[in-house]
Amino acid sequence: MLRRIGGITLGLSMAFAPHPVEAVVPASEQVKAIAKRYAEIEEQLPRSVRYLKREENAEGSTVTQAWFDGLGDLLKVATERTSKAGRVLSEFTAPDFQMTYDGLFVLTRKELPAADGGTDVEETRSYYGQASFRDQSGFETMDNGVLIRELRKRAHFAPGELLDTSKTGNTTVVIPKFKASDRTPEKQAETAMFLEEPAKIGAQLQAAGPPESDPFAGTRGDAERFRLIRGSASPDGRYGLAIGFDTAVDWSQYADKEAEEREIYTADGAEDLRNFVIELATNRILGATGGSYFGTRKRYNHRELTMIWSDHSAVFVQQFDSKWSYESCHAGRIGEGPKLIGTVDLGAAVEKHAESFLKGKRRKYEGSIALSVQEVKPDGTMAVRVSGQEASGPNKGEIYFALEETLRLEEKAGKLKLELLKVRLLPND
C-alpha cells in the first residue's frame, strides 16, 4: 500500500510496525515534504472552518483552536497557555492527521519574563516521521512516529521590544540515532498518546461546536447531488472529490448509520454513480472525473482512494485501488473559472504503453496490474509505475514486470490528451 506526503510516496503502515529499510525515505526529504505541506496549510487557514475553546482559572487562561478544510478534514491544532509564568504556544500540523506516525510538525514557542523586565523567547520546530534502525536480531529495519529533525532558536528582547524571531537563526539539535531499545511497550504507548492527541482535540472541538467561523456555511450549490470524499482536498483547499449522481437523490439510503464518524455514505453498486470534482467554496460541481470510487471514506479495508494533486492544484490524478490491482485511474486538469477542462483514462493509457513496450522486449504482460503515481507537475508531466504481480496460488506475490512511464497531460483545442515521453524497466523487487 502507498500513501502520499507532499509528492513523496511512502509505505503505509500501522503504528510501530517494523518495515524493510528500503521503505525509508531520507529524513531530509521527509522534512521538506512536511514543511511544504505546512506552508500550504498556513495559506488556507483564513478560509477554513475554525473552532475555538477558551478556558480560564486562577492560574491563567488556555485557548485551544482547530482548523478544518471544506471536506471536514483536520488541518491544524493550536493550544496557547498564558499565565504569570509566561506564554506557551503549541501548534500541530500534519499531511494526514490519521497518519501522524508518518508525518507530523510541532511548533512550540515559549515567551518567559526575564530578570531585566524583558522577555526570553524559545522556539522549537520538531519533525516526526520514519527512521531506520537495527533490530535485536541485527537486521536493518524501520519504525515510524520517530523524531527525525529538531530545530531551536533562542532570543532575548528588551522591555517594549517586538518579539520577532524571524531574523534569529536556527540551531539544529543533535538527535540520538533511533535504536531497538526505543521500542519498549512503555515508550510506544507514550509516543502513540502524543501523536494521536491533536486529532482527539480537533474531534472534541468539532463535536462541541458550533465553529467560531465557517466560510462554507449556507452554501448549497449542487450539494443535493453529491457527498464529499474525505482526504481528497487539493493542496490549496479549494477543490475536493465527491461521489454523486446527475440528479438529486435521497442520501439517507446510502448513509452508514453505524459509523462513528459523521455523515459517512457508501453507494457501492449504485446505478449511475459518478465521481465529481467540487469547488468547495460554492459547492459547485465542476465535472465528472470518470472514476468509479463508491464511498465518502478514503479507505474501505483493501479498497482505497488516492488523490494526487500537482502544485497550484492545477492537475490531478484520481486512483481507486483494490488489494492487488487498481480499479480505475484518471487524470484531469482544472482551468480558469474555475472549470474542469477534462479528464483522460490514465490507467488505460499506461497499460497500453506497457503492453507495447514489453512486447518489443519479448516479455509477457501478465499478473494483476498495479499503478503507483510518483509525481504530478503543474505542466501535466507525471511519472507512473506499473507492475504485474501474481495475486494467488503458489506464486502469490511474485512480480512479473515493473516499468516506469513518464507522460504529459496536454490541452489542445480545448481537449486533453496524453503524450508518452519515455518508458524504462525497473527491478522486479
Protein backbone atom coordinates (compact mmCIF):
# COMPACT_ATOMS: atom_id res chain seq x y z
CA MET A 1 0.00 0.00 0.00
CA LEU A 2 1.18 3.51 -0.74
CA ARG A 3 0.29 6.95 0.51
CA ARG A 4 1.31 10.48 -0.35
CA ILE A 5 3.08 13.15 1.69
CA GLY A 6 3.59 16.29 -0.35
CA GLY A 7 4.51 14.39 -3.51
CA ILE A 8 6.60 11.69 -1.79
CA THR A 9 5.40 8.07 -1.90
CA LEU A 10 5.73 6.36 1.47
CA GLY A 11 4.99 2.81 2.57
CA LEU A 12 1.72 2.81 4.50
CA SER A 13 1.95 1.07 7.87
CA MET A 14 0.30 0.50 11.16
CA ALA A 15 1.91 2.39 14.01
CA PHE A 16 5.25 0.98 15.11
CA ALA A 17 5.19 -1.96 12.68
CA PRO A 18 8.75 -2.72 11.50
CA HIS A 19 9.44 -2.34 7.76
CA PRO A 20 12.26 -3.29 5.42
CA VAL A 21 14.80 -0.49 5.34
CA GLU A 22 14.16 0.09 1.62
CA ALA A 23 10.85 1.77 2.57
CA VAL A 24 12.54 4.58 4.46
CA VAL A 25 12.54 7.99 2.77
CA PRO A 26 15.60 10.09 3.72
CA ALA A 27 14.89 12.40 6.67
CA SER A 28 15.76 15.47 4.59
CA GLU A 29 13.06 14.59 2.04
CA GLN A 30 10.50 13.86 4.75
CA VAL A 31 11.22 17.22 6.40
CA LYS A 32 10.99 19.02 3.07
CA ALA A 33 7.62 17.41 2.29
CA ILE A 34 6.21 18.15 5.76
CA ALA A 35 7.42 21.76 5.58
CA LYS A 36 5.83 22.16 2.16
CA ARG A 37 2.51 20.88 3.45
CA TYR A 38 2.80 23.22 6.47
CA ALA A 39 3.11 26.20 4.12
CA GLU A 40 0.07 25.06 2.13
CA ILE A 41 -1.98 24.71 5.31
CA GLU A 42 -0.95 28.12 6.65
CA GLU A 43 -2.02 29.72 3.39
CA GLN A 44 -5.54 28.28 3.52
CA LEU A 45 -6.28 28.78 7.23
CA PRO A 46 -8.11 32.14 6.70
CA ARG A 47 -10.69 30.37 4.50
CA SER A 48 -11.03 27.27 6.68
CA VAL A 49 -13.53 26.25 9.36
CA ARG A 50 -12.21 27.30 12.79
CA TYR A 51 -13.26 26.02 16.22
CA LEU A 52 -12.19 27.74 19.44
CA LYS A 53 -12.41 26.94 23.12
CA ARG A 54 -11.36 29.36 25.89
CA GLU A 55 -10.77 28.25 29.48
CA GLU A 56 -9.78 30.41 32.45
CA ASN A 57 -8.79 29.67 36.02
CA ALA A 58 -6.84 31.29 38.86
CA GLU A 59 -3.53 30.48 37.21
CA GLY A 60 -4.32 31.91 33.78
CA SER A 61 -6.07 31.08 30.51
CA THR A 62 -5.91 28.42 27.82
CA VAL A 63 -7.11 28.91 24.25
CA THR A 64 -7.45 25.84 22.05
CA GLN A 65 -8.18 26.11 18.32
CA ALA A 66 -8.64 23.66 15.46
CA TRP A 67 -8.97 24.31 11.74
CA PHE A 68 -10.73 22.06 9.20
CA ASP A 69 -10.94 22.21 5.42
CA GLY A 70 -14.12 22.13 3.36
CA LEU A 71 -14.19 18.32 3.49
CA GLY A 72 -14.12 18.28 7.27
CA ASP A 73 -10.51 17.08 7.45
CA LEU A 74 -8.35 18.45 10.26
CA LEU A 75 -5.63 20.88 9.17
CA LYS A 76 -4.13 22.27 12.36
CA VAL A 77 -4.46 22.31 16.15
CA ALA A 78 -3.07 25.04 18.41
CA THR A 79 -3.03 25.46 22.19
CA GLU A 80 -1.96 28.70 23.85
CA ARG A 81 -1.47 28.86 27.63
CA THR A 82 -0.97 32.24 29.30
CA SER A 83 -0.12 32.84 32.99
CA LYS A 84 2.16 34.92 35.18
CA ALA A 85 4.93 32.48 34.29
CA GLY A 86 4.64 33.48 30.64
CA ARG A 87 3.05 32.28 27.40
CA VAL A 88 3.44 28.86 25.80
CA LEU A 89 2.11 28.16 22.30
CA SER A 90 1.98 24.66 20.78
CA GLU A 91 0.95 24.10 17.16
CA PHE A 92 0.44 20.76 15.39
CA THR A 93 0.14 20.25 11.63
CA ALA A 94 0.30 17.02 9.62
CA PRO A 95 -0.12 15.95 6.00
CA ASP A 96 -2.72 13.48 7.34
CA PHE A 97 -3.88 13.55 10.95
CA GLN A 98 -4.99 9.93 10.60
CA MET A 99 -1.35 9.02 9.91
CA THR A 100 0.72 11.31 12.13
CA TYR A 101 3.14 8.41 12.62
CA ASP A 102 4.38 9.07 9.08
CA GLY A 103 4.49 12.86 9.28
CA LEU A 104 3.91 15.50 11.95
CA PHE A 105 5.24 19.02 12.56
CA VAL A 106 5.16 20.56 16.03
CA LEU A 107 5.99 24.20 16.73
CA THR A 108 6.48 25.18 20.38
CA ARG A 109 7.07 28.82 21.35
CA LYS A 110 7.77 29.93 24.92
CA GLU A 111 7.74 33.59 25.97
CA LEU A 112 9.08 33.89 29.53
CA PRO A 113 9.67 37.04 31.61
CA ALA A 114 13.37 37.88 32.06
CA ALA A 115 15.10 39.38 35.11
CA ASP A 116 15.65 42.74 33.36
CA GLY A 117 11.93 43.15 32.62
CA GLY A 118 12.32 41.92 29.06
CA THR A 119 11.28 38.60 27.53
CA ASP A 120 13.17 35.42 26.68
CA VAL A 121 11.77 33.58 23.66
CA GLU A 122 12.50 29.99 22.73
CA GLU A 123 11.08 28.27 19.66
CA THR A 124 11.37 24.57 18.83
CA ARG A 125 10.43 23.02 15.49
CA SER A 126 10.08 19.25 15.66
CA TYR A 127 9.52 16.88 12.73
CA TYR A 128 8.29 13.31 13.19
CA GLY A 129 8.42 10.58 10.56
CA GLN A 130 10.21 7.35 9.64
CA ALA A 131 13.67 6.19 10.65
CA SER A 132 15.75 3.05 10.12
CA PHE A 133 17.37 1.10 12.93
CA ARG A 134 18.99 -2.28 13.57
CA ASP A 135 16.66 -4.66 15.38
CA GLN A 136 17.62 -7.11 18.12
CA SER A 137 18.38 -9.77 15.51
CA GLY A 138 20.85 -7.44 13.80
CA PHE A 139 18.69 -6.76 10.73
CA GLU A 140 18.23 -3.22 9.41
CA THR A 141 14.54 -2.26 9.59
CA MET A 142 12.46 0.86 10.23
CA ASP A 143 9.89 2.43 12.52
CA ASN A 144 7.59 5.43 12.29
CA GLY A 145 6.46 8.09 14.73
CA VAL A 146 10.13 8.94 15.31
CA LEU A 147 11.63 12.39 15.91
CA ILE A 148 13.76 12.88 12.78
CA ARG A 149 14.66 16.59 12.92
CA GLU A 150 14.57 19.33 15.56
CA LEU A 151 15.48 23.00 15.17
CA ARG A 152 15.71 25.51 18.01
CA LYS A 153 16.16 29.26 18.31
CA ARG A 154 16.54 31.48 21.37
CA ALA A 155 16.40 35.25 21.67
CA HIS A 156 16.21 37.92 24.38
CA PHE A 157 14.09 41.04 23.88
CA ALA A 158 14.32 44.24 25.89
CA PRO A 159 11.19 45.71 27.54
CA GLY A 160 8.79 47.01 24.90
CA GLU A 161 10.72 45.38 22.03
CA LEU A 162 8.73 43.47 19.38
CA LEU A 163 9.05 39.70 19.98
CA ASP A 164 10.06 38.95 16.40
CA THR A 165 12.31 35.90 15.93
CA SER A 166 12.22 35.88 12.13
CA LYS A 167 15.85 37.04 11.93
CA THR A 168 17.05 34.70 14.67
CA GLY A 169 18.98 31.73 13.32
CA ASN A 170 18.05 28.11 13.98
CA THR A 171 20.29 25.65 15.78
CA THR A 172 19.98 22.01 14.76
CA VAL A 173 19.53 19.78 17.78
CA VAL A 174 21.54 16.57 17.69
CA ILE A 175 19.08 13.65 17.82
CA PRO A 176 20.39 10.29 19.06
CA LYS A 177 20.07 7.54 16.46
CA PHE A 178 16.88 5.55 16.91
CA LYS A 179 17.56 2.04 18.25
CA ALA A 180 15.67 -1.15 19.04
CA SER A 181 15.60 -0.37 22.77
CA ASP A 182 13.48 2.71 21.98
CA ARG A 183 10.59 0.41 21.02
CA THR A 184 9.60 -0.70 24.52
CA PRO A 185 5.84 -1.00 25.15
CA GLU A 186 6.00 1.95 27.55
CA LYS A 187 7.74 4.21 25.02
CA GLN A 188 5.39 3.09 22.25
CA ALA A 189 2.36 3.93 24.37
CA GLU A 190 3.80 7.32 25.27
CA THR A 191 4.56 8.11 21.64
CA ALA A 192 1.12 6.96 20.49
CA MET A 193 -0.58 9.22 23.04
CA PHE A 194 1.49 12.20 21.88
CA LEU A 195 0.97 11.64 18.15
CA GLU A 196 -2.76 10.91 18.39
CA GLU A 197 -3.65 13.73 20.82
CA PRO A 198 -4.03 16.54 18.20
CA ALA A 199 -6.67 14.58 16.26
CA LYS A 200 -8.54 13.87 19.50
CA ILE A 201 -8.51 17.57 20.42
CA GLY A 202 -9.77 18.50 16.97
CA ALA A 203 -12.59 15.95 17.13
CA GLN A 204 -13.63 17.17 20.59
CA LEU A 205 -13.78 20.80 19.46
CA GLN A 206 -15.69 19.84 16.33
CA ALA A 207 -18.19 17.77 18.32
CA ALA A 208 -18.71 20.59 20.84
CA GLY A 209 -19.38 23.13 18.02
CA PRO A 210 -20.55 25.40 16.58
CA PRO A 211 -17.43 26.76 14.84
CA GLU A 212 -16.08 30.22 15.53
CA SER A 213 -16.11 30.82 11.77
CA ASP A 214 -17.28 28.75 8.79
CA PRO A 215 -16.85 30.19 5.29
CA PHE A 216 -18.69 27.18 3.81
CA ALA A 217 -21.89 27.59 5.86
CA GLY A 218 -25.13 28.22 3.99
CA THR A 219 -23.70 27.44 0.54
CA ARG A 220 -25.84 24.81 -1.17
CA GLY A 221 -24.76 24.83 -4.82
CA ASP A 222 -25.14 21.28 -6.15
CA ALA A 223 -24.94 19.72 -2.68
CA GLU A 224 -28.06 17.56 -3.12
CA ARG A 225 -26.31 15.67 -5.91
CA PHE A 226 -23.06 14.71 -4.13
CA ARG A 227 -21.28 13.82 -0.91
CA LEU A 228 -17.61 14.72 -0.36
CA ILE A 229 -14.86 12.12 -0.03
CA ARG A 230 -12.60 12.65 2.98
CA GLY A 231 -8.90 13.16 2.33
CA SER A 232 -9.33 14.25 -1.29
CA ALA A 233 -8.81 18.03 -0.97
CA SER A 234 -6.41 19.90 -3.23
CA PRO A 235 -3.26 21.41 -1.64
CA ASP A 236 -4.84 24.86 -1.54
CA GLY A 237 -8.09 23.53 -0.08
CA ARG A 238 -10.21 24.90 -2.95
CA TYR A 239 -11.27 21.61 -4.54
CA GLY A 240 -12.28 18.13 -3.44
CA LEU A 241 -13.64 14.90 -4.84
CA ALA A 242 -17.16 13.54 -4.31
CA ILE A 243 -19.43 10.62 -5.08
CA GLY A 244 -22.69 11.66 -6.67
CA PHE A 245 -25.37 11.43 -9.31
CA ASP A 246 -26.64 13.51 -12.23
CA THR A 247 -29.76 14.44 -10.25
CA ALA A 248 -30.58 14.94 -6.57
CA VAL A 249 -31.18 11.73 -4.60
CA ASP A 250 -32.31 10.67 -1.14
CA TRP A 251 -28.93 10.27 0.53
CA SER A 252 -30.36 8.61 3.63
CA GLN A 253 -30.46 5.31 1.73
CA TYR A 254 -26.65 5.40 1.44
CA ALA A 255 -25.87 6.66 4.97
CA ASP A 256 -23.76 4.46 7.23
CA LYS A 257 -25.84 4.65 10.39
CA GLU A 258 -23.35 2.65 12.47
CA ALA A 259 -20.30 4.79 11.63
CA GLU A 260 -18.69 6.67 14.49
CA GLU A 261 -17.73 9.44 12.06
CA ARG A 262 -20.28 11.96 10.93
CA GLU A 263 -22.01 11.74 7.54
CA ILE A 264 -20.45 8.62 6.06
CA TYR A 265 -22.06 7.45 2.82
CA THR A 266 -21.44 4.28 0.83
CA ALA A 267 -23.10 3.74 -2.55
CA ASP A 268 -21.27 0.60 -3.68
CA GLY A 269 -23.10 -0.86 -6.67
CA ALA A 270 -25.47 2.10 -7.06
CA GLU A 271 -26.60 2.60 -10.63
CA ASP A 272 -25.24 5.71 -12.38
CA LEU A 273 -22.90 6.58 -9.51
CA ARG A 274 -20.23 9.07 -10.58
CA ASN A 275 -17.19 10.86 -9.16
CA PHE A 276 -17.13 14.66 -9.35
CA VAL A 277 -14.63 17.46 -8.78
CA ILE A 278 -16.19 20.05 -6.45
CA GLU A 279 -15.35 23.72 -5.89
CA LEU A 280 -15.69 23.71 -2.09
CA ALA A 281 -16.37 27.42 -1.56
CA THR A 282 -19.50 27.25 -3.75
CA ASN A 283 -20.40 23.51 -3.57
CA ARG A 284 -20.47 23.62 -7.35
CA ILE A 285 -19.78 20.51 -9.43
CA LEU A 286 -17.01 21.29 -11.92
CA GLY A 287 -17.36 17.99 -13.76
CA ALA A 288 -17.08 14.21 -13.63
CA THR A 289 -13.68 12.53 -13.37
CA GLY A 290 -14.58 9.21 -14.98
CA GLY A 291 -13.59 7.43 -11.76
CA SER A 292 -15.56 4.66 -10.07
CA TYR A 293 -14.98 5.16 -6.32
CA PHE A 294 -18.07 4.41 -4.24
CA GLY A 295 -17.94 5.98 -0.75
CA THR A 296 -17.01 9.00 1.32
CA ARG A 297 -14.36 7.19 3.36
CA LYS A 298 -10.87 7.34 1.92
CA ARG A 299 -10.33 3.66 2.67
CA TYR A 300 -12.54 0.57 2.94
CA ASN A 301 -10.18 -2.21 4.04
CA HIS A 302 -8.17 -3.05 0.89
CA ARG A 303 -10.15 -0.68 -1.34
CA GLU A 304 -8.74 2.82 -1.25
CA LEU A 305 -8.91 6.20 -2.98
CA THR A 306 -5.69 8.08 -3.69
CA MET A 307 -5.99 11.67 -4.89
CA ILE A 308 -2.71 13.20 -6.07
CA TRP A 309 -2.54 16.90 -6.94
CA SER A 310 0.13 18.99 -8.57
CA ASP A 311 1.39 22.21 -7.03
CA HIS A 312 -1.10 25.06 -7.50
CA SER A 313 -3.91 22.45 -7.67
CA ALA A 314 -3.98 22.56 -11.46
CA VAL A 315 -3.60 18.88 -12.38
CA PHE A 316 -4.83 15.83 -10.50
CA VAL A 317 -4.84 12.04 -10.65
CA GLN A 318 -7.66 10.05 -9.06
CA GLN A 319 -6.83 6.39 -8.44
CA PHE A 320 -9.02 3.65 -6.99
CA ASP A 321 -7.11 0.57 -5.77
CA SER A 322 -8.11 -2.86 -4.53
CA LYS A 323 -5.75 -5.25 -2.74
CA TRP A 324 -3.64 -6.44 -5.67
CA SER A 325 -4.59 -4.14 -8.53
CA TYR A 326 -6.09 -0.79 -9.43
CA GLU A 327 -9.74 -0.45 -10.35
CA SER A 328 -9.61 2.90 -12.17
CA CYS A 329 -7.17 5.77 -12.66
CA HIS A 330 -8.00 9.09 -14.30
CA ALA A 331 -6.10 12.35 -14.74
CA GLY A 332 -7.62 15.79 -15.19
CA ARG A 333 -6.87 19.48 -15.38
CA ILE A 334 -8.69 22.42 -13.79
CA GLY A 335 -8.63 25.70 -15.69
CA GLU A 336 -9.66 29.28 -15.06
CA GLY A 337 -13.22 29.94 -14.00
CA PRO A 338 -12.65 27.55 -12.35
CA LYS A 339 -13.74 24.78 -14.68
CA LEU A 340 -12.79 21.19 -15.29
CA ILE A 341 -11.17 21.24 -18.71
CA GLY A 342 -11.46 17.47 -18.98
CA THR A 343 -10.15 14.10 -17.87
CA VAL A 344 -8.43 11.13 -19.50
CA ASP A 345 -8.24 7.44 -18.62
CA LEU A 346 -4.66 7.38 -17.38
CA GLY A 347 -4.79 3.71 -16.38
CA ALA A 348 -5.83 2.55 -19.84
CA ALA A 349 -3.10 4.64 -21.50
CA VAL A 350 -0.38 3.40 -19.12
CA GLU A 351 -1.41 -0.23 -19.64
CA LYS A 352 -1.42 0.17 -23.41
CA HIS A 353 2.09 1.64 -23.44
CA ALA A 354 3.37 -1.01 -21.00
CA GLU A 355 2.00 -3.89 -23.03
CA SER A 356 3.51 -2.50 -26.24
CA PHE A 357 6.89 -1.90 -24.58
CA LEU A 358 7.07 -5.40 -23.10
CA LYS A 359 6.07 -6.97 -26.41
CA GLY A 360 9.04 -5.23 -28.02
CA LYS A 361 11.27 -6.73 -25.32
CA ARG A 362 9.73 -10.19 -25.91
CA ARG A 363 8.29 -10.21 -22.40
CA LYS A 364 4.78 -11.08 -21.29
CA TYR A 365 2.28 -8.59 -19.96
CA GLU A 366 0.74 -10.58 -17.10
CA GLY A 367 -0.44 -10.56 -13.49
CA SER A 368 -2.70 -8.27 -11.50
CA ILE A 369 -1.86 -4.76 -12.68
CA ALA A 370 -0.95 -2.18 -10.04
CA LEU A 371 -0.20 1.52 -10.58
CA SER A 372 1.70 3.99 -8.42
CA VAL A 373 1.76 7.65 -9.43
CA GLN A 374 5.12 9.02 -8.32
CA GLU A 375 4.79 12.66 -9.34
CA VAL A 376 2.35 15.12 -10.91
CA LYS A 377 3.63 18.51 -12.09
CA PRO A 378 1.61 21.66 -12.88
CA ASP A 379 2.55 21.36 -16.59
CA GLY A 380 0.89 17.94 -16.69
CA THR A 381 4.05 15.83 -16.60
CA MET A 382 3.63 12.72 -14.45
CA ALA A 383 5.62 9.62 -13.60
CA VAL A 384 3.65 6.38 -13.19
CA ARG A 385 4.97 2.99 -12.12
CA VAL A 386 3.11 -0.05 -13.44
CA SER A 387 3.69 -3.63 -12.40
CA GLY A 388 2.20 -7.09 -12.85
CA GLN A 389 2.00 -9.29 -9.77
CA GLU A 390 0.65 -12.76 -9.01
CA ALA A 391 -2.33 -12.39 -6.65
CA SER A 392 -2.96 -16.04 -5.76
CA GLY A 393 -1.67 -19.58 -5.93
CA PRO A 394 1.80 -20.94 -5.17
CA ASN A 395 3.49 -17.93 -6.83
CA LYS A 396 1.46 -15.37 -4.88
CA GLY A 397 3.37 -12.10 -4.58
CA GLU A 398 5.73 -12.77 -7.49
CA ILE A 399 6.32 -9.68 -9.64
CA TYR A 400 6.39 -10.44 -13.36
CA PHE A 401 7.38 -6.98 -14.56
CA ALA A 402 7.83 -3.39 -13.34
CA LEU A 403 8.03 -0.27 -15.51
CA GLU A 404 8.04 3.48 -15.03
CA GLU A 405 6.37 5.67 -17.64
CA THR A 406 6.71 9.42 -17.96
CA LEU A 407 3.72 11.07 -19.63
CA ARG A 408 2.43 14.58 -20.15
CA LEU A 409 -1.22 15.67 -20.00
CA GLU A 410 -1.68 18.35 -22.66
CA GLU A 411 -4.58 20.56 -23.68
CA LYS A 412 -5.16 21.04 -27.39
CA ALA A 413 -8.21 22.73 -28.89
CA GLY A 414 -9.99 22.52 -25.56
CA LYS A 415 -9.40 18.79 -25.20
CA LEU A 416 -6.94 16.78 -23.14
CA LYS A 417 -4.58 14.14 -24.48
CA LEU A 418 -1.73 12.10 -23.02
CA GLU A 419 1.69 12.04 -24.63
CA LEU A 420 4.17 9.30 -23.72
CA LEU A 421 7.63 10.78 -23.12
CA LYS A 422 9.64 7.72 -22.03
CA VAL A 423 9.45 4.21 -20.56
CA ARG A 424 12.07 2.38 -18.51
CA LEU A 425 12.34 -1.05 -16.92
CA LEU A 426 12.57 -1.26 -13.14
CA PRO A 427 14.00 -4.06 -10.99
CA ASN A 428 11.39 -6.65 -10.03
CA ASP A 429 11.76 -6.00 -6.26
